[in-house]
C-alpha atoms as a PDB file:
ATOM      1  CA  MET A   1     -17.339 -10.530 -10.954  1.00  0.00           C
ATOM      2  CA  PHE A   2     -16.937  -8.531  -8.166  1.00  0.00           C
ATOM      3  CA  LYS A   3     -13.324  -9.540  -7.757  1.00  0.00           C
ATOM      4  CA  HIS A   4     -12.375  -7.501 -10.949  1.00  0.00           C
ATOM      5  CA  ILE A   5     -14.232  -4.524  -9.690  1.00  0.00           C
ATOM      6  CA  LEU A   6     -12.813  -4.510  -6.123  1.00  0.00           C
ATOM      7  CA  GLY A   7      -8.995  -5.340  -6.713  1.00  0.00           C
ATOM      8  CA  ALA A   8      -9.724  -7.946  -3.555  1.00  0.00           C
ATOM      9  CA  ALA A   9      -5.838  -8.944  -3.372  1.00  0.00           C
ATOM     10  CA  ALA A  10      -5.210  -5.388  -2.548  1.00  0.00           C
ATOM     11  CA  VAL A  11      -8.324  -4.993  -0.278  1.00  0.00           C
ATOM     12  CA  ALA A  12      -6.579  -7.695   1.460  1.00  0.00           C
ATOM     13  CA  ALA A  13      -3.240  -6.885   1.791  1.00  0.00           C
ATOM     14  CA  LEU A  14      -4.240  -3.158   2.824  1.00  0.00           C
ATOM     15  CA  LEU A  15      -6.924  -4.343   4.867  1.00  0.00           C
ATOM     16  CA  SER A  16      -5.752  -7.392   6.991  1.00  0.00           C
ATOM     17  CA  VAL A  17      -2.832  -5.443   7.751  1.00  0.00           C
ATOM     18  CA  GLY A  18       0.670  -6.741   7.765  1.00  0.00           C
ATOM     19  CA  CYS A  19      -0.451  -8.429   4.155  1.00  0.00           C
ATOM     20  CA  SER A  20       0.607  -8.203   0.575  1.00  0.00           C
ATOM     21  CA  SER A  21      -0.468 -11.409  -0.166  1.00  0.00           C
ATOM     22  CA  SER A  22      -1.349 -12.501  -3.426  1.00  0.00           C
ATOM     23  CA  SER A  23      -4.013 -14.482  -1.526  1.00  0.00           C
ATOM     24  CA  ASP A  24      -7.678 -13.982  -3.321  1.00  0.00           C
ATOM     25  CA  SER A  25      -9.247 -13.405   0.109  1.00  0.00           C
ATOM     26  CA  THR A  26     -11.770 -10.330   0.147  1.00  0.00           C
ATOM     27  CA  THR A  27     -12.313 -10.423   4.155  1.00  0.00           C
ATOM     28  CA  PRO A  28     -12.056  -6.317   5.459  1.00  0.00           C
ATOM     29  CA  ALA A  29     -10.524  -7.044   8.677  1.00  0.00           C
ATOM     30  CA  THR A  30     -11.658  -4.793  11.991  1.00  0.00           C
ATOM     31  CA  ALA A  31      -9.523  -2.713  13.762  1.00  0.00           C
ATOM     32  CA  ASP A  32     -10.729  -4.283  17.403  1.00  0.00           C
ATOM     33  CA  ALA A  33      -7.439  -6.093  18.169  1.00  0.00           C
ATOM     34  CA  GLY A  34      -5.199  -6.102  20.957  1.00  0.00           C
ATOM     35  CA  LYS A  35      -3.830  -2.287  22.210  1.00  0.00           C
ATOM     36  CA  THR A  36      -0.486  -1.411  22.829  1.00  0.00           C
ATOM     37  CA  ASP A  37       0.741   0.650  25.702  1.00  0.00           C
ATOM     38  CA  SER A  38       0.149   3.736  23.929  1.00  0.00           C
ATOM     39  CA  GLY A  39      -3.456   2.869  23.613  1.00  0.00           C
ATOM     40  CA  VAL A  40      -2.872   2.618  19.952  1.00  0.00           C
ATOM     41  CA  ALA A  41      -5.848  -0.196  18.859  1.00  0.00           C
ATOM     42  CA  ARG A  42      -4.107  -2.471  16.099  1.00  0.00           C
ATOM     43  CA  PRO A  43      -5.935  -4.049  13.606  1.00  0.00           C
ATOM     44  CA  ASP A  44      -6.794  -7.702  13.594  1.00  0.00           C
ATOM     45  CA  SER A  45      -4.219  -9.018  10.789  1.00  0.00           C
ATOM     46  CA  GLY A  46      -6.680 -11.354   9.609  1.00  0.00           C
ATOM     47  CA  THR A  47      -3.893 -13.288   7.820  1.00  0.00           C
ATOM     48  CA  THR A  48      -3.077 -17.002   7.244  1.00  0.00           C
ATOM     49  CA  PRO A  49       0.507 -18.604   5.808  1.00  0.00           C
ATOM     50  CA  SER A  50       0.843 -18.675   2.413  1.00  0.00           C
ATOM     51  CA  ALA A  51       0.574 -21.366   0.203  1.00  0.00           C
ATOM     52  CA  ASP A  52       4.102 -22.837   0.996  1.00  0.00           C
ATOM     53  CA  SER A  53       3.444 -22.621   4.607  1.00  0.00           C
ATOM     54  CA  GLY A  54       5.276 -25.977   4.590  1.00  0.00           C
ATOM     55  CA  ALA A  55       8.598 -23.916   4.184  1.00  0.00           C
ATOM     56  CA  PRO A  56      10.504 -22.811   6.886  1.00  0.00           C
ATOM     57  CA  ALA A  57       9.528 -20.036   8.074  1.00  0.00           C
ATOM     58  CA  ALA A  58      11.904 -16.765   7.659  1.00  0.00           C
ATOM     59  CA  THR A  59      12.336 -14.005  10.726  1.00  0.00           C
ATOM     60  CA  CYS A  60       9.223 -12.170  10.803  1.00  0.00           C
ATOM     61  CA  GLU A  61      10.553  -8.828  12.722  1.00  0.00           C
ATOM     62  CA  ALA A  62      10.236  -5.528  12.436  1.00  0.00           C
ATOM     63  CA  PRO A  63      12.598  -3.206  10.292  1.00  0.00           C
ATOM     64  CA  SER A  64      14.553  -1.195  12.583  1.00  0.00           C
ATOM     65  CA  THR A  65      14.155   1.509   9.644  1.00  0.00           C
ATOM     66  CA  THR A  66      10.571   3.236   9.157  1.00  0.00           C
ATOM     67  CA  PRO A  67       9.665   1.272   5.777  1.00  0.00           C
ATOM     68  CA  THR A  68       8.392   2.985   2.724  1.00  0.00           C
ATOM     69  CA  PHE A  69       4.857   2.903   2.278  1.00  0.00           C
ATOM     70  CA  GLU A  70       1.848   4.293   0.486  1.00  0.00           C
ATOM     71  CA  THR A  71      -0.138   7.642   2.250  1.00  0.00           C
ATOM     72  CA  PRO A  72      -3.223   7.697   0.613  1.00  0.00           C
ATOM     73  CA  ALA A  73      -4.988  10.835  -1.269  1.00  0.00           C
ATOM     74  CA  THR A  74      -7.174  12.931   0.605  1.00  0.00           C
ATOM     75  CA  LEU A  75     -10.727  12.523  -0.154  1.00  0.00           C
ATOM     76  CA  PRO A  76     -13.476  15.171   0.173  1.00  0.00           C
ATOM     77  CA  PRO A  77     -15.378  15.155   2.587  1.00  0.00           C
ATOM     78  CA  ALA A  78     -18.026  12.442   3.347  1.00  0.00           C
ATOM     79  CA  ALA A  79     -21.482  12.717   2.484  1.00  0.00           C
ATOM     80  CA  ALA A  80     -24.429  12.199   5.371  1.00  0.00           C
ATOM     81  CA  TRP A  81     -25.920   8.806   6.141  1.00  0.00           C
ATOM     82  CA  GLY A  82     -29.422   8.153   6.049  1.00  0.00           C
ATOM     83  CA  GLN A  83     -30.316  10.211   2.777  1.00  0.00           C
ATOM     84  CA  ASN A  84     -33.221   7.702   2.143  1.00  0.00           C
ATOM     85  CA  LYS A  85     -32.571   7.740  -1.461  1.00  0.00           C
ATOM     86  CA  CYS A  86     -32.524   3.834  -1.782  1.00  0.00           C
ATOM     87  CA  GLN A  87     -34.773   0.788  -0.642  1.00  0.00           C
ATOM     88  CA  ASP A  88     -33.546  -2.410   0.140  1.00  0.00           C
ATOM     89  CA  ALA A  89     -34.689  -4.003  -2.918  1.00  0.00           C
ATOM     90  CA  THR A  90     -33.761  -1.055  -4.932  1.00  0.00           C
ATOM     91  CA  VAL A  91     -29.712  -1.770  -3.672  1.00  0.00           C
ATOM     92  CA  GLN A  92     -30.235  -5.520  -4.091  1.00  0.00           C
ATOM     93  CA  GLY A  93     -30.668  -4.865  -7.817  1.00  0.00           C
ATOM     94  CA  PHE A  94     -27.939  -2.019  -7.637  1.00  0.00           C
ATOM     95  CA  LEU A  95     -25.568  -5.094  -6.719  1.00  0.00           C
ATOM     96  CA  ASP A  96     -27.255  -7.901  -9.088  1.00  0.00           C
ATOM     97  CA  ALA A  97     -26.651  -5.501 -12.131  1.00  0.00           C
ATOM     98  CA  CYS A  98     -23.903  -3.640 -11.534  1.00  0.00           C
ATOM     99  CA  LEU A  99     -21.124  -5.097  -9.008  1.00  0.00           C
ATOM    100  CA  THR A 100     -21.994  -8.580  -7.799  1.00  0.00           C
ATOM    101  CA  GLY A 101     -24.597 -10.680 -10.052  1.00  0.00           C
ATOM    102  CA  ALA A 102     -23.833 -13.128 -11.855  1.00  0.00           C
ATOM    103  CA  ASN A 103     -24.910 -11.530 -14.894  1.00  0.00           C
ATOM    104  CA  ALA A 104     -23.856  -8.506 -14.086  1.00  0.00           C
ATOM    105  CA  SER A 105     -23.240  -6.023 -16.960  1.00  0.00           C
ATOM    106  CA  LYS A 106     -22.545  -2.562 -18.043  1.00  0.00           C
ATOM    107  CA  ALA A 107     -25.488  -2.561 -19.921  1.00  0.00           C
ATOM    108  CA  ALA A 108     -27.248  -3.900 -17.085  1.00  0.00           C
ATOM    109  CA  CYS A 109     -25.772  -1.574 -14.594  1.00  0.00           C
ATOM    110  CA  ASP A 110     -27.119   1.068 -17.153  1.00  0.00           C
ATOM    111  CA  THR A 111     -30.306   0.444 -17.169  1.00  0.00           C
ATOM    112  CA  TRP A 112     -30.734  -0.356 -13.703  1.00  0.00           C
ATOM    113  CA  LYS A 113     -29.241   3.719 -13.173  1.00  0.00           C
ATOM    114  CA  ALA A 114     -31.397   5.000 -15.799  1.00  0.00           C
ATOM    115  CA  ALA A 115     -34.723   3.728 -13.264  1.00  0.00           C
ATOM    116  CA  ASN A 116     -32.891   4.594 -10.637  1.00  0.00           C
ATOM    117  CA  ALA A 117     -31.657   7.933 -11.033  1.00  0.00           C
ATOM    118  CA  ASN A 118     -32.216   9.155  -7.256  1.00  0.00           C
ATOM    119  CA  CYS A 119     -30.685   6.332  -5.966  1.00  0.00           C
ATOM    120  CA  ALA A 120     -27.978   5.789  -8.416  1.00  0.00           C
ATOM    121  CA  ALA A 121     -26.510   9.332  -7.761  1.00  0.00           C
ATOM    122  CA  CYS A 122     -26.433   8.515  -4.024  1.00  0.00           C
ATOM    123  CA  LEU A 123     -24.546   5.128  -4.637  1.00  0.00           C
ATOM    124  CA  LEU A 124     -21.961   6.204  -7.113  1.00  0.00           C
ATOM    125  CA  THR A 125     -20.338   9.770  -6.509  1.00  0.00           C
ATOM    126  CA  PRO A 126     -17.346  10.833  -8.212  1.00  0.00           C
ATOM    127  CA  LYS A 127     -13.863  10.856  -6.595  1.00  0.00           C
ATOM    128  CA  ASN A 128     -13.706  13.990  -6.750  1.00  0.00           C
ATOM    129  CA  ALA A 129     -17.453  14.891  -5.672  1.00  0.00           C
ATOM    130  CA  ALA A 130     -18.045  17.845  -3.026  1.00  0.00           C
ATOM    131  CA  ALA A 131     -19.321  14.913  -0.915  1.00  0.00           C
ATOM    132  CA  VAL A 132     -18.545  11.230  -1.502  1.00  0.00           C
ATOM    133  CA  GLY A 133     -20.574   8.245  -0.744  1.00  0.00           C
ATOM    134  CA  PRO A 134     -20.384   4.527  -0.637  1.00  0.00           C
ATOM    135  CA  PHE A 135     -19.081   3.520  -4.075  1.00  0.00           C
ATOM    136  CA  LEU A 136     -16.486   5.654  -6.127  1.00  0.00           C
ATOM    137  CA  THR A 137     -16.749   6.495  -9.372  1.00  0.00           C
ATOM    138  CA  ASP A 138     -13.396   8.058 -11.857  1.00  0.00           C
ATOM    139  CA  PRO A 139     -13.851   9.488 -15.222  1.00  0.00           C
ATOM    140  CA  ALA A 140     -10.871   7.749 -16.167  1.00  0.00           C
ATOM    141  CA  VAL A 141     -12.193   4.519 -15.887  1.00  0.00           C
ATOM    142  CA  THR A 142     -14.164   2.850 -18.516  1.00  0.00           C
ATOM    143  CA  ALA A 143     -16.903   1.187 -17.506  1.00  0.00           C
ATOM    144  CA  ASP A 144     -17.187  -2.448 -19.061  1.00  0.00           C
ATOM    145  CA  ASP A 145     -18.785  -5.909 -18.275  1.00  0.00           C
ATOM    146  CA  GLN A 146     -15.573  -6.224 -15.677  1.00  0.00           C
ATOM    147  CA  ASN A 147     -16.890  -3.037 -14.014  1.00  0.00           C
ATOM    148  CA  PRO A 148     -19.878  -1.993 -14.692  1.00  0.00           C
ATOM    149  CA  PRO A 149     -19.818   1.406 -12.588  1.00  0.00           C
ATOM    150  CA  GLY A 150     -16.659   2.404 -13.509  1.00  0.00           C
ATOM    151  CA  LEU A 151     -15.157   2.403  -9.754  1.00  0.00           C
ATOM    152  CA  VAL A 152     -12.363   3.759  -8.956  1.00  0.00           C
ATOM    153  CA  ASN A 153      -9.176   1.675  -9.789  1.00  0.00           C
ATOM    154  CA  ASP A 154      -8.353   0.736  -5.914  1.00  0.00           C
ATOM    155  CA  GLY A 155     -11.891  -0.891  -6.245  1.00  0.00           C
ATOM    156  CA  PHE A 156     -14.048  -0.816  -2.125  1.00  0.00           C
ATOM    157  CA  LEU A 157     -11.096   0.730  -0.109  1.00  0.00           C
ATOM    158  CA  SER A 158     -11.524   4.356  -1.061  1.00  0.00           C
ATOM    159  CA  SER A 159     -15.264   3.822  -0.222  1.00  0.00           C
ATOM    160  CA  ILE A 160     -14.060   2.140   3.150  1.00  0.00           C
ATOM    161  CA  THR A 161     -11.972   5.728   3.487  1.00  0.00           C
ATOM    162  CA  ALA A 162     -14.882   7.871   2.859  1.00  0.00           C
ATOM    163  CA  CYS A 163     -17.309   5.752   5.254  1.00  0.00           C
ATOM    164  CA  LEU A 164     -14.471   5.810   8.094  1.00  0.00           C
ATOM    165  CA  ASN A 165     -14.461   9.502   7.264  1.00  0.00           C
ATOM    166  CA  HIS A 166     -17.779  10.263   7.801  1.00  0.00           C
ATOM    167  CA  PHE A 167     -16.974  10.030  11.593  1.00  0.00           C
ATOM    168  CA  LYS A 168     -13.767  11.845  11.596  1.00  0.00           C
ATOM    169  CA  ALA A 169     -12.532  13.738   8.203  1.00  0.00           C
ATOM    170  CA  GLY A 170      -8.863  12.756   7.467  1.00  0.00           C
ATOM    171  CA  CYS A 171      -9.112   9.367   9.537  1.00  0.00           C
ATOM    172  CA  GLY A 172      -9.716   7.100   6.601  1.00  0.00           C
ATOM    173  CA  GLU A 173      -6.892   8.121   5.421  1.00  0.00           C
ATOM    174  CA  LYS A 174      -5.015   8.357   8.664  1.00  0.00           C
ATOM    175  CA  TYR A 175      -6.281   4.368   9.465  1.00  0.00           C
ATOM    176  CA  PHE A 176      -5.179   3.016   5.423  1.00  0.00           C
ATOM    177  CA  ALA A 177      -1.884   4.966   6.060  1.00  0.00           C
ATOM    178  CA  PHE A 178      -0.911   3.047   9.344  1.00  0.00           C
ATOM    179  CA  SER A 179      -2.399  -0.047   7.386  1.00  0.00           C
ATOM    180  CA  ASN A 180       0.123   0.336   5.040  1.00  0.00           C
ATOM    181  CA  CYS A 181       2.873   1.033   7.277  1.00  0.00           C
ATOM    182  CA  LEU A 182       2.083  -2.182   9.571  1.00  0.00           C
ATOM    183  CA  GLY A 183       2.165  -3.958   6.060  1.00  0.00           C
ATOM    184  CA  ALA A 184       5.500  -2.865   4.787  1.00  0.00           C
ATOM    185  CA  ALA A 185       6.817  -3.514   8.001  1.00  0.00           C
ATOM    186  CA  CYS A 186       5.452  -7.439   7.983  1.00  0.00           C
ATOM    187  CA  ASP A 187       5.313  -7.762   4.506  1.00  0.00           C
ATOM    188  CA  THR A 188       3.980 -11.491   4.233  1.00  0.00           C
ATOM    189  CA  ASP A 189       6.110 -11.792   0.535  1.00  0.00           C
ATOM    190  CA  GLY A 190       9.068 -10.456   2.514  1.00  0.00           C
ATOM    191  CA  ASN A 191      10.173 -11.037   5.586  1.00  0.00           C
ATOM    192  CA  CYS A 192       7.692 -12.143   7.348  1.00  0.00           C
ATOM    193  CA  LYS A 193       6.981 -15.082   4.511  1.00  0.00           C
ATOM    194  CA  ASN A 194       5.255 -18.189   5.871  1.00  0.00           C
ATOM    195  CA  ALA A 195       4.859 -16.599   9.340  1.00  0.00           C
ATOM    196  CA  SER A 196       2.358 -17.698  11.452  1.00  0.00           C
ATOM    197  CA  ASP A 197      -0.661 -15.170  12.840  1.00  0.00           C
ATOM    198  CA  ALA A 198       1.689 -14.943  16.027  1.00  0.00           C
ATOM    199  CA  ASP A 199       4.372 -13.595  14.409  1.00  0.00           C
ATOM    200  CA  LEU A 200       2.688 -11.586  12.508  1.00  0.00           C
ATOM    201  CA  ASP A 201       0.661 -10.351  15.887  1.00  0.00           C
ATOM    202  CA  THR A 202       3.964  -9.897  17.303  1.00  0.00           C
ATOM    203  CA  CYS A 203       5.543  -8.117  14.160  1.00  0.00           C
ATOM    204  CA  GLN A 204       3.110  -5.391  13.603  1.00  0.00           C
ATOM    205  CA  GLU A 205       3.273  -4.988  17.829  1.00  0.00           C
ATOM    206  CA  ASP A 206       7.024  -4.869  17.571  1.00  0.00           C
ATOM    207  CA  ALA A 207       6.532  -2.261  14.902  1.00  0.00           C
ATOM    208  CA  ILE A 208       4.172   0.090  16.912  1.00  0.00           C
ATOM    209  CA  GLY A 209       6.357  -0.324  19.656  1.00  0.00           C
ATOM    210  CA  GLY A 210       4.043   1.583  22.192  1.00  0.00           C
ATOM    211  CA  GLY A 211       4.149   4.630  19.839  1.00  0.00           C
ATOM    212  CA  GLN A 212       7.940   4.615  19.159  1.00  0.00           C
ATOM    213  CA  GLY A 213       8.229   1.479  16.556  1.00  0.00           C
ATOM    214  CA  VAL A 214       8.916   2.264  13.219  1.00  0.00           C
ATOM    215  CA  CYS A 215       5.065   3.074  12.710  1.00  0.00           C
ATOM    216  CA  GLY A 216       4.583   4.159  16.061  1.00  0.00           C
ATOM    217  CA  GLN A 217       3.850   7.965  15.132  1.00  0.00           C
ATOM    218  CA  VAL A 218       1.637   6.906  11.827  1.00  0.00           C
ATOM    219  CA  ALA A 219      -0.219   4.509  14.270  1.00  0.00           C
ATOM    220  CA  ILE A 220      -0.821   7.362  17.110  1.00  0.00           C
ATOM    221  CA  ALA A 221      -1.990   9.455  14.071  1.00  0.00           C
ATOM    222  CA  ALA A 222      -4.378   6.969  13.741  1.00  0.00           C
ATOM    223  CA  LEU A 223      -5.812   5.027  16.540  1.00  0.00           C
ATOM    224  CA  GLY A 224      -3.959   6.567  19.517  1.00  0.00           C
ATOM    225  CA  GLN A 225      -5.439   7.956  22.274  1.00  0.00           C
ATOM    226  CA  ASN A 226      -4.612  11.499  21.945  1.00  0.00           C
ATOM    227  CA  GLY A 227      -4.130  11.100  18.144  1.00  0.00           C
ATOM    228  CA  ALA A 228      -6.450  13.046  15.736  1.00  0.00           C
ATOM    229  CA  CYS A 229      -8.670  10.637  15.104  1.00  0.00           C
ATOM    230  CA  ARG A 230      -9.372   9.460  19.167  1.00  0.00           C
ATOM    231  CA  GLY A 231     -12.631   8.108  19.275  1.00  0.00           C
ATOM    232  CA  VAL A 232     -13.317   6.637  15.762  1.00  0.00           C
ATOM    233  CA  PHE A 233     -12.308   3.117  16.541  1.00  0.00           C
ATOM    234  CA  PRO A 234     -13.232   2.345  20.536  1.00  0.00           C
ATOM    235  CA  GLN A 235     -12.781  -0.349  22.406  1.00  0.00           C
ATOM    236  CA  ASP A 236     -14.995  -0.091  24.827  1.00  0.00           C
ATOM    237  CA  ALA A 237     -18.408  -2.358  24.713  1.00  0.00           C
ATOM    238  CA  GLY A 238     -21.526  -0.434  24.407  1.00  0.00           C
ATOM    239  CA  THR A 239     -20.159   3.247  22.832  1.00  0.00           C
ATOM    240  CA  ALA A 240     -22.227   5.005  20.340  1.00  0.00           C
ATOM    241  CA  PRO A 241     -21.276   3.488  16.862  1.00  0.00           C
ATOM    242  CA  THR A 242     -17.975   4.085  14.842  1.00  0.00           C
ATOM    243  CA  GLY A 243     -15.772   3.408  12.069  1.00  0.00           C
ATOM    244  CA  GLU A 244     -15.945  -0.114  13.130  1.00  0.00           C
ATOM    245  CA  LEU A 245     -19.396  -0.228  11.145  1.00  0.00           C
ATOM    246  CA  CYS A 246     -16.831   0.410   7.824  1.00  0.00           C
ATOM    247  CA  PHE A 247     -15.178  -2.890   7.837  1.00  0.00           C
ATOM    248  CA  SER A 248     -17.742  -6.308   7.899  1.00  0.00           C
ATOM    249  CA  LYS A 249     -16.743  -7.421  11.604  1.00  0.00           C
ATOM    250  CA  GLY A 250     -17.858  -3.988  12.982  1.00  0.00           C
ATOM    251  CA  ALA A 251     -21.653  -4.788  11.843  1.00  0.00           C
ATOM    252  CA  ALA A 252     -24.190  -6.270  14.481  1.00  0.00           C
ATOM    253  CA  GLY A 253     -23.490 -10.058  14.176  1.00  0.00           C
ATOM    254  CA  GLY A 254     -21.272  -9.434  11.570  1.00  0.00           C
ATOM    255  CA  GLU A 255     -21.084 -10.328   7.918  1.00  0.00           C
ATOM    256  CA  ASP A 256     -18.783 -13.486   6.987  1.00  0.00           C
ATOM    257  CA  THR A 257     -17.169 -12.106   3.874  1.00  0.00           C
ATOM    258  CA  SER A 258     -15.389 -15.207   2.953  1.00  0.00           C
ATOM    259  CA  THR A 259     -18.578 -16.027   1.203  1.00  0.00           C
ATOM    260  CA  ASP A 260     -20.033 -14.705  -1.924  1.00  0.00           C
ATOM    261  CA  ALA A 261     -23.344 -14.237   0.413  1.00  0.00           C
ATOM    262  CA  GLY A 262     -22.010 -12.659   2.988  1.00  0.00           C
ATOM    263  CA  LEU A 263     -19.847  -9.990   0.676  1.00  0.00           C
ATOM    264  CA  VAL A 264     -23.018  -8.958  -0.988  1.00  0.00           C
ATOM    265  CA  ALA A 265     -24.667  -8.437   2.486  1.00  0.00           C
ATOM    266  CA  PHE A 266     -21.774  -6.343   3.488  1.00  0.00           C
ATOM    267  CA  PHE A 267     -21.945  -4.744   0.355  1.00  0.00           C
ATOM    268  CA  LYS A 268     -25.976  -3.792   1.102  1.00  0.00           C
ATOM    269  CA  ARG A 269     -25.216  -2.742   4.559  1.00  0.00           C
ATOM    270  CA  PHE A 270     -22.587  -0.255   3.814  1.00  0.00           C
ATOM    271  CA  ALA A 271     -24.721   1.200   1.038  1.00  0.00           C
ATOM    272  CA  LEU A 272     -27.677   1.548   2.891  1.00  0.00           C
ATOM    273  CA  GLN A 273     -25.845   2.947   5.542  1.00  0.00           C
ATOM    274  CA  PHE A 274     -25.340   5.755   3.454  1.00  0.00           C
ATOM    275  CA  CYS A 275     -28.651   6.029   1.446  1.00  0.00           C
ATOM    276  CA  GLY A 276     -31.289   4.318   2.923  1.00  0.00           C
ATOM    277  CA  GLN A 277     -33.219   5.538   5.821  1.00  0.00           C
END
């Protein structure tokens, strides 16, 4: 059920940077990987070789010119966290009825929303709302049994953008522009097909190039020490909670989003950040 709603392949492609694989992985990646000399934090690739990895690997090198990549549309500001409109059990009910439950359906979701109006208004916000919350809806998307809440077509991606924007407005869009650039530069369906994780990491490092590579400027804008989003993804232990909480590995202990149970736990934490106590 949730894979239809999330557009799992798209999430994996954009979050596990450097992938445009057709893999059905749904693991959101963190931004806690190694740095270049520019001080730019490079998101973990989170990638594995494709199914036909027995074939000889292609040369996995960053292009010499900036690749074509998508810059995400700007979202409204993020809603406040800790709105105290939902309890743990209420969010679980939402997930069961509307998102991840085996019997999730439009009818079940509509029933849950009618019975939990305040919580629903916090969890589900239109993508053009004055302040966007954890799950974005789109009036142009018809809610049905494959997408009971009527979430935006790019699924959970815009929600994570909104989460990142909680820490600093515009940083979600900048982060995903950076991710998209690395994905285009080190495409596992193209020049990096069948590449190992190590080769992909090298390609991404070269694409950043200490701020001078083909994705250097967009990387600095997103994560550089002097960029607009400085501090959103700090690497030092013991710092205050930051945008890393928007990804599964950012939570204390981390959720294993390769499993259904881990994915549900991630969604619940994510929802309660906005709408819990």
